[in-house]
Amino acid sequence: MKYVTLGSTGITVNKNGFGALPIQRISFEEAAKLLRRAYDGGIRYFDTARFYTDSEEKIGYALSDVRSEIYIASKSMTTDVEVFKKEFEITLKNLKTDYIDVHQFHNPPFVPKPGDGTGLYEAMMELKEQGRVRHIGITNHRIALALEAAESGLYETIQFPFSYLANEEEKKLVALCKEKNIGFICMKGLAGGLIRNGKAAFAGLLEFDNALPIWGIQKMEELEEFLSCNTEDFEQELTPELEAIIEADKAELIGGFCRSCGYCQSACPQGIEISNCARMTLLLGRAPVEQYTTEPWKEKMRKAATCIECGACMQRCPYGLNIPKLLKENVADYQKYL
């Protein structure tokens, strides 16, 4: 079994983390079954957020009796210090705990620092001094801010989108975290669902021995696939078969594709479901066409065709994508399947 140590935190866990965003879409009982199976299967790192509706509550419901045996990471997206403090109390209550192992600033538009005028870092430090936060982290989708956080010396963990589709600058971030003894946590290890083979996703990250992937898990079969990767039976190396899958994905996907992070969504005055419509061509090529040609999907793509190219989404996109152009191209491609 492969293990990862998150830098100076000393947290050492199975190289499978549980990303709890998707469990907000299922019932408490379904979530509890998933979370307990993850625990029984050796997963000890569970990542949630105040922003993920009832995800924190479901972790508290399912795992409070083994709290001392697991590591829980949560996040706060607010940039208001008073809201930050109030949200932290809600997080503790939801998780049925009196401390958080890794508390993170959730994709802020800047890197919180002491003396920056917001009071955010000072508030986080106060919680750490009280022992209610064990380690301070930050998540981001912007490479410049992630690198700034790594260089600042203020953060014990950095969470960033990372998969075998990563570019050279993103790989440099992982190397920098290793050099500075900062824990590196991979979100979107499946590239927003575009990587379809869990074993390939796991194997593609093996070379990064300081990186902990947190897989977004909603179904038992997804969980079982990742659990099967981190066993003695699974060849802990890139087999020719897996390498072929990875190389094919790189050839198709590396570049300006939508990662489905969703940060642009609220900016769209037309209510377009950008996270899916702007990558419909890729989705059609990686799953049965019938899955995306139902009437509800047709309606979503008809709405995508109403884009007024206002550019509001582009201002929110952490990857600098030309979203109106992507929408136009994907709508045109979609017509071929109708």
Protein backbone atom coordinates (compact mmCIF):
# COMPACT_ATOMS: atom_id res chain seq x y z
CA MET A 1 0.00 0.00 0.00
CA LYS A 2 1.28 3.46 -0.93
CA TYR A 3 1.33 6.22 1.69
CA VAL A 4 1.83 9.99 1.49
CA THR A 5 3.12 12.37 4.14
CA LEU A 6 1.72 15.89 3.84
CA GLY A 7 4.90 17.88 4.32
CA SER A 8 5.56 19.43 7.72
CA THR A 9 2.12 18.44 9.03
CA GLY A 10 3.40 14.92 9.63
CA ILE A 11 0.03 13.59 8.45
CA THR A 12 0.77 10.24 6.80
CA VAL A 13 -2.12 8.51 5.03
CA ASN A 14 -3.04 6.01 2.37
CA LYS A 15 -2.51 7.52 -1.12
CA ASN A 16 -6.28 7.66 -1.54
CA GLY A 17 -8.11 10.63 -0.06
CA PHE A 18 -11.90 10.97 -0.01
CA GLY A 19 -13.22 14.11 -1.72
CA ALA A 20 -16.64 14.68 -0.17
CA LEU A 21 -18.13 17.25 -2.57
CA PRO A 22 -20.22 14.62 -4.43
CA ILE A 23 -21.85 13.13 -1.32
CA GLN A 24 -24.02 16.24 -1.03
CA ARG A 25 -25.98 14.73 -3.97
CA ILE A 26 -26.97 11.53 -2.13
CA SER A 27 -28.88 10.68 1.04
CA PHE A 28 -27.40 10.51 4.53
CA GLU A 29 -27.67 6.73 4.58
CA GLU A 30 -26.05 6.32 1.15
CA ALA A 31 -23.27 8.71 2.17
CA ALA A 32 -22.74 6.84 5.44
CA LYS A 33 -22.31 3.54 3.61
CA LEU A 34 -19.73 5.11 1.28
CA LEU A 35 -17.81 6.82 4.07
CA ARG A 36 -17.72 3.72 6.27
CA ARG A 37 -16.58 1.57 3.36
CA ALA A 38 -13.84 4.13 2.64
CA TYR A 39 -12.76 3.96 6.27
CA ASP A 40 -12.86 0.17 6.32
CA GLY A 41 -10.84 0.17 3.09
CA GLY A 42 -8.03 2.17 4.67
CA ILE A 43 -8.85 5.75 3.66
CA ARG A 44 -8.04 8.12 6.49
CA TYR A 45 -8.13 11.58 4.86
CA PHE A 46 -11.54 13.15 4.25
CA ASP A 47 -11.89 16.55 2.54
CA THR A 48 -15.06 18.63 2.72
CA ALA A 49 -16.05 22.32 2.82
CA ARG A 50 -18.59 24.65 4.34
CA PHE A 51 -19.65 25.40 0.74
CA TYR A 52 -20.59 21.75 0.08
CA THR A 53 -24.09 22.05 1.59
CA ASP A 54 -24.61 19.02 3.89
CA SER A 55 -21.31 17.24 3.14
CA GLU A 56 -19.84 18.16 6.53
CA GLU A 57 -22.93 16.89 8.34
CA LYS A 58 -22.76 13.56 6.52
CA ILE A 59 -19.14 13.05 7.55
CA GLY A 60 -20.05 13.86 11.15
CA TYR A 61 -23.00 11.47 10.95
CA ALA A 62 -20.93 8.60 9.53
CA LEU A 63 -17.51 8.94 11.11
CA SER A 64 -17.76 10.73 14.46
CA ASP A 65 -17.17 7.49 16.35
CA VAL A 66 -13.75 7.05 14.66
CA ARG A 67 -12.82 10.74 14.76
CA SER A 68 -9.47 10.13 16.49
CA GLU A 69 -8.43 7.70 13.75
CA ILE A 70 -9.03 9.95 10.73
CA TYR A 71 -7.96 13.33 9.39
CA ILE A 72 -10.62 15.83 8.38
CA ALA A 73 -9.96 18.82 6.13
CA SER A 74 -12.54 21.52 5.57
CA LYS A 75 -12.58 24.94 3.94
CA SER A 76 -14.15 28.38 4.12
CA MET A 77 -14.76 30.43 0.98
CA THR A 78 -15.64 33.72 2.66
CA THR A 79 -13.27 36.70 2.69
CA ASP A 80 -15.16 38.34 5.58
CA VAL A 81 -13.39 37.62 8.86
CA GLU A 82 -16.53 37.63 11.00
CA VAL A 83 -18.30 35.25 8.62
CA PHE A 84 -15.16 33.09 8.62
CA LYS A 85 -15.37 32.75 12.41
CA LYS A 86 -19.08 31.95 12.37
CA GLU A 87 -18.65 29.39 9.60
CA PHE A 88 -15.91 27.65 11.54
CA GLU A 89 -18.26 27.08 14.47
CA ILE A 90 -20.85 25.61 12.08
CA THR A 91 -18.19 23.34 10.60
CA LEU A 92 -17.23 21.98 14.02
CA LYS A 93 -20.87 21.37 14.93
CA ASN A 94 -21.61 19.65 11.61
CA LEU A 95 -18.57 17.39 11.87
CA LYS A 96 -19.23 16.60 15.55
CA THR A 97 -15.69 17.49 16.51
CA ASP A 98 -13.80 20.13 18.44
CA TYR A 99 -10.91 20.52 15.98
CA ILE A 100 -10.12 20.40 12.26
CA ASP A 101 -6.91 18.73 11.13
CA VAL A 102 -6.44 20.90 8.03
CA HIS A 103 -8.50 24.07 7.64
CA GLN A 104 -8.18 25.78 4.29
CA PHE A 105 -8.99 29.09 2.66
CA HIS A 106 -11.24 27.94 -0.18
CA ASN A 107 -10.11 29.28 -3.57
CA PRO A 108 -9.67 32.91 -2.45
CA PRO A 109 -8.95 35.58 -5.12
CA PHE A 110 -5.76 36.49 -3.22
CA VAL A 111 -3.34 34.78 -0.83
CA PRO A 112 -4.31 35.73 2.74
CA LYS A 113 -1.30 36.99 4.69
CA PRO A 114 -0.69 38.64 8.05
CA GLY A 115 -1.19 42.38 7.86
CA ASP A 116 -3.04 42.36 4.53
CA GLY A 117 -5.97 44.25 6.06
CA THR A 118 -8.51 41.42 5.87
CA GLY A 119 -7.73 39.81 9.22
CA LEU A 120 -8.31 36.37 7.67
CA TYR A 121 -4.86 34.92 8.30
CA GLU A 122 -4.83 36.31 11.83
CA ALA A 123 -8.22 34.66 12.48
CA MET A 124 -6.91 31.34 11.19
CA MET A 125 -3.78 31.66 13.35
CA GLU A 126 -5.91 32.34 16.40
CA LEU A 127 -7.79 29.10 15.81
CA LYS A 128 -4.50 27.26 15.45
CA GLU A 129 -3.15 28.73 18.67
CA GLN A 130 -6.32 27.54 20.41
CA GLY A 131 -5.70 24.02 19.07
CA ARG A 132 -8.97 24.02 17.14
CA VAL A 133 -7.12 24.06 13.81
CA ARG A 134 -4.13 21.77 13.61
CA HIS A 135 -2.75 22.87 10.22
CA ILE A 136 -3.37 25.81 7.88
CA GLY A 137 -3.97 25.23 4.18
CA ILE A 138 -5.18 26.96 1.05
CA THR A 139 -6.91 25.74 -2.11
CA ASN A 140 -6.84 27.43 -5.49
CA HIS A 141 -7.40 27.00 -9.19
CA ARG A 142 -5.02 29.78 -10.21
CA ILE A 143 -1.43 28.63 -10.64
CA ALA A 144 0.01 32.08 -9.89
CA LEU A 145 -1.74 32.22 -6.51
CA ALA A 146 -0.80 28.63 -5.68
CA LEU A 147 2.86 29.40 -6.39
CA GLU A 148 2.62 32.59 -4.32
CA ALA A 149 1.18 30.62 -1.41
CA ALA A 150 3.98 28.05 -1.68
CA GLU A 151 6.64 30.75 -1.68
CA SER A 152 5.05 32.64 1.23
CA GLY A 153 5.98 30.10 3.90
CA LEU A 154 2.57 30.63 5.48
CA TYR A 155 0.83 27.42 4.43
CA GLU A 156 1.32 23.83 5.51
CA THR A 157 -0.80 22.40 2.69
CA ILE A 158 -1.76 23.52 -0.80
CA GLN A 159 -4.64 21.96 -2.71
CA PHE A 160 -4.65 22.42 -6.48
CA PRO A 161 -6.19 20.67 -9.54
CA PHE A 162 -3.70 18.01 -10.58
CA SER A 163 -3.87 14.86 -12.68
CA TYR A 164 -1.73 13.18 -15.30
CA LEU A 165 -2.90 15.95 -17.66
CA ALA A 166 -0.89 18.53 -15.67
CA ASN A 167 1.34 20.93 -17.57
CA GLU A 168 4.95 21.71 -16.72
CA GLU A 169 4.13 24.75 -14.58
CA GLU A 170 1.72 22.69 -12.50
CA LYS A 171 4.36 19.98 -12.06
CA LYS A 172 6.76 22.69 -10.86
CA LEU A 173 4.25 23.55 -8.13
CA VAL A 174 4.33 19.95 -6.87
CA ALA A 175 8.13 20.00 -6.91
CA LEU A 176 8.20 23.34 -5.08
CA CYS A 177 5.89 21.99 -2.38
CA LYS A 178 8.18 19.00 -1.94
CA GLU A 179 11.24 21.28 -1.70
CA LYS A 180 9.55 23.48 0.91
CA ASN A 181 8.04 20.56 2.84
CA ILE A 182 4.46 21.66 2.09
CA GLY A 183 1.76 19.03 1.80
CA PHE A 184 0.37 18.84 -1.74
CA ILE A 185 -3.23 17.72 -2.20
CA CYS A 186 -4.59 16.94 -5.68
CA MET A 187 -8.14 17.96 -6.40
CA LYS A 188 -9.75 16.98 -9.71
CA GLY A 189 -7.55 13.94 -10.18
CA LEU A 190 -10.05 12.83 -12.82
CA ALA A 191 -9.91 16.24 -14.59
CA GLY A 192 -13.53 17.01 -13.81
CA GLY A 193 -14.70 13.60 -15.02
CA LEU A 194 -12.88 13.60 -18.36
CA ILE A 195 -10.46 10.91 -17.17
CA ARG A 196 -12.61 7.79 -17.22
CA ASN A 197 -10.23 5.14 -15.91
CA GLY A 198 -9.63 5.28 -12.16
CA LYS A 199 -6.70 2.88 -12.25
CA ALA A 200 -4.96 5.03 -14.88
CA ALA A 201 -5.68 8.15 -12.79
CA PHE A 202 -4.11 6.51 -9.73
CA ALA A 203 -1.10 5.12 -11.60
CA GLY A 204 -0.50 8.44 -13.34
CA LEU A 205 0.12 10.10 -9.97
CA LEU A 206 2.49 7.48 -8.55
CA GLU A 207 5.60 9.37 -9.68
CA PHE A 208 4.58 12.30 -7.45
CA ASP A 209 5.32 10.72 -4.08
CA ASN A 210 4.40 13.86 -2.12
CA ALA A 211 0.97 14.25 -3.74
CA LEU A 212 -2.25 13.05 -2.10
CA PRO A 213 -5.22 12.71 -4.50
CA ILE A 214 -8.67 13.29 -3.04
CA TRP A 215 -11.08 11.50 -5.35
CA GLY A 216 -14.57 12.94 -5.66
CA ILE A 217 -16.68 9.89 -4.85
CA GLN A 218 -20.45 9.47 -5.14
CA LYS A 219 -20.94 5.79 -6.01
CA MET A 220 -19.74 2.59 -4.37
CA GLU A 221 -18.25 1.26 -7.63
CA GLU A 222 -16.12 4.40 -7.92
CA LEU A 223 -14.84 3.93 -4.38
CA GLU A 224 -14.11 0.24 -4.92
CA GLU A 225 -12.04 1.03 -8.01
CA PHE A 226 -9.78 3.40 -6.07
CA LEU A 227 -9.54 1.04 -3.11
CA SER A 228 -8.45 -1.72 -5.48
CA CYS A 229 -5.60 0.46 -6.74
CA ASN A 230 -3.87 0.75 -3.38
CA THR A 231 -3.44 -2.92 -2.57
CA GLU A 232 -0.71 -5.50 -2.94
CA ASP A 233 -2.65 -7.07 -5.81
CA PHE A 234 -2.50 -3.93 -7.94
CA GLU A 235 0.75 -3.44 -9.82
CA GLN A 236 2.09 -0.21 -8.34
CA GLU A 237 3.57 0.95 -11.60
CA LEU A 238 2.57 2.11 -15.04
CA THR A 239 1.73 -0.99 -17.03
CA PRO A 240 1.82 -0.75 -20.84
CA GLU A 241 -1.99 -0.84 -20.88
CA LEU A 242 -2.37 2.04 -18.44
CA GLU A 243 0.39 4.01 -20.10
CA ALA A 244 -1.42 3.71 -23.43
CA ILE A 245 -4.62 5.07 -21.85
CA ILE A 246 -2.74 7.96 -20.30
CA GLU A 247 -0.93 8.88 -23.52
CA ALA A 248 -4.18 8.77 -25.50
CA ASP A 249 -5.85 11.06 -22.95
CA LYS A 250 -2.95 13.49 -23.04
CA ALA A 251 -3.10 13.66 -26.83
CA GLU A 252 -6.83 14.42 -26.73
CA LEU A 253 -7.26 16.53 -23.61
CA ILE A 254 -4.18 18.57 -22.77
CA GLY A 255 -4.81 22.20 -23.54
CA GLY A 256 -7.68 24.63 -23.17
CA PHE A 257 -10.47 22.39 -21.94
CA CYS A 258 -13.05 23.23 -19.28
CA ARG A 259 -12.17 21.58 -15.95
CA SER A 260 -15.76 21.90 -14.70
CA CYS A 261 -14.75 23.86 -11.59
CA GLY A 262 -18.00 25.86 -11.80
CA TYR A 263 -16.64 29.23 -10.67
CA CYS A 264 -18.01 30.96 -13.77
CA GLN A 265 -21.53 29.60 -13.37
CA SER A 266 -23.16 32.30 -11.25
CA ALA A 267 -21.91 34.99 -13.63
CA CYS A 268 -23.93 33.79 -16.63
CA PRO A 269 -27.01 36.02 -17.22
CA GLN A 270 -28.48 33.35 -19.54
CA GLY A 271 -28.29 30.58 -16.95
CA ILE A 272 -26.18 28.35 -19.22
CA GLU A 273 -24.76 25.22 -17.58
CA ILE A 274 -21.26 26.15 -18.67
CA SER A 275 -19.40 23.36 -16.85
CA ASN A 276 -20.98 20.75 -19.14
CA CYS A 277 -21.96 22.65 -22.27
CA ALA A 278 -18.45 24.08 -22.80
CA ARG A 279 -16.98 20.57 -22.95
CA MET A 280 -19.80 18.64 -24.60
CA THR A 281 -17.60 17.50 -27.50
CA LEU A 282 -15.21 15.82 -25.06
CA LEU A 283 -18.04 14.25 -23.10
CA LEU A 284 -19.57 12.82 -26.26
CA GLY A 285 -16.27 11.28 -27.21
CA ARG A 286 -15.77 9.61 -23.84
CA ALA A 287 -19.18 8.12 -23.05
CA PRO A 288 -22.13 6.58 -24.93
CA VAL A 289 -23.67 9.27 -27.13
CA GLU A 290 -27.16 8.30 -25.96
CA GLN A 291 -26.25 9.55 -22.48
CA TYR A 292 -26.02 13.13 -23.74
CA THR A 293 -28.73 13.23 -26.41
CA THR A 294 -31.75 13.02 -24.13
CA GLU A 295 -34.29 15.86 -24.15
CA PRO A 296 -32.92 17.48 -20.94
CA TRP A 297 -29.42 17.60 -22.47
CA LYS A 298 -30.79 18.97 -25.74
CA GLU A 299 -32.48 21.74 -23.76
CA LYS A 300 -29.19 22.57 -22.00
CA MET A 301 -27.41 22.86 -25.34
CA ARG A 302 -30.23 24.98 -26.80
CA LYS A 303 -29.71 27.34 -23.89
CA ALA A 304 -25.95 27.30 -24.53
CA ALA A 305 -26.71 28.60 -28.02
CA THR A 306 -28.23 31.74 -26.43
CA CYS A 307 -24.82 32.93 -25.16
CA ILE A 308 -24.63 36.71 -25.62
CA GLU A 309 -20.82 36.75 -25.33
CA CYS A 310 -20.90 39.25 -22.48
CA GLY A 311 -17.61 37.91 -21.11
CA ALA A 312 -18.77 37.75 -17.48
CA CYS A 313 -17.83 34.07 -17.33
CA MET A 314 -14.33 34.77 -18.63
CA GLN A 315 -13.69 37.16 -15.75
CA ARG A 316 -14.38 34.30 -13.31
CA CYS A 317 -12.51 31.52 -15.12
CA PRO A 318 -9.28 30.69 -13.24
CA TYR A 319 -7.85 29.09 -16.41
CA GLY A 320 -8.34 32.10 -18.68
CA LEU A 321 -10.52 30.18 -21.15
CA ASN A 322 -12.46 31.87 -23.93
CA ILE A 323 -15.74 30.38 -22.75
CA PRO A 324 -18.07 32.01 -25.34
CA LYS A 325 -15.86 30.54 -28.08
CA LEU A 326 -15.90 27.12 -26.42
CA LEU A 327 -19.68 27.22 -26.11
CA LYS A 328 -20.10 28.15 -29.77
CA GLU A 329 -17.80 25.32 -30.90
CA ASN A 330 -19.47 22.75 -28.66
CA VAL A 331 -22.98 23.74 -29.73
CA ALA A 332 -21.92 23.35 -33.37
CA ASP A 333 -20.41 19.92 -32.71
CA TYR A 334 -23.48 18.82 -30.77
CA GLN A 335 -25.70 19.43 -33.79
CA LYS A 336 -23.92 16.59 -35.61
CA TYR A 337 -25.35 14.08 -33.16
CA LEU A 338 -28.98 15.16 -33.50
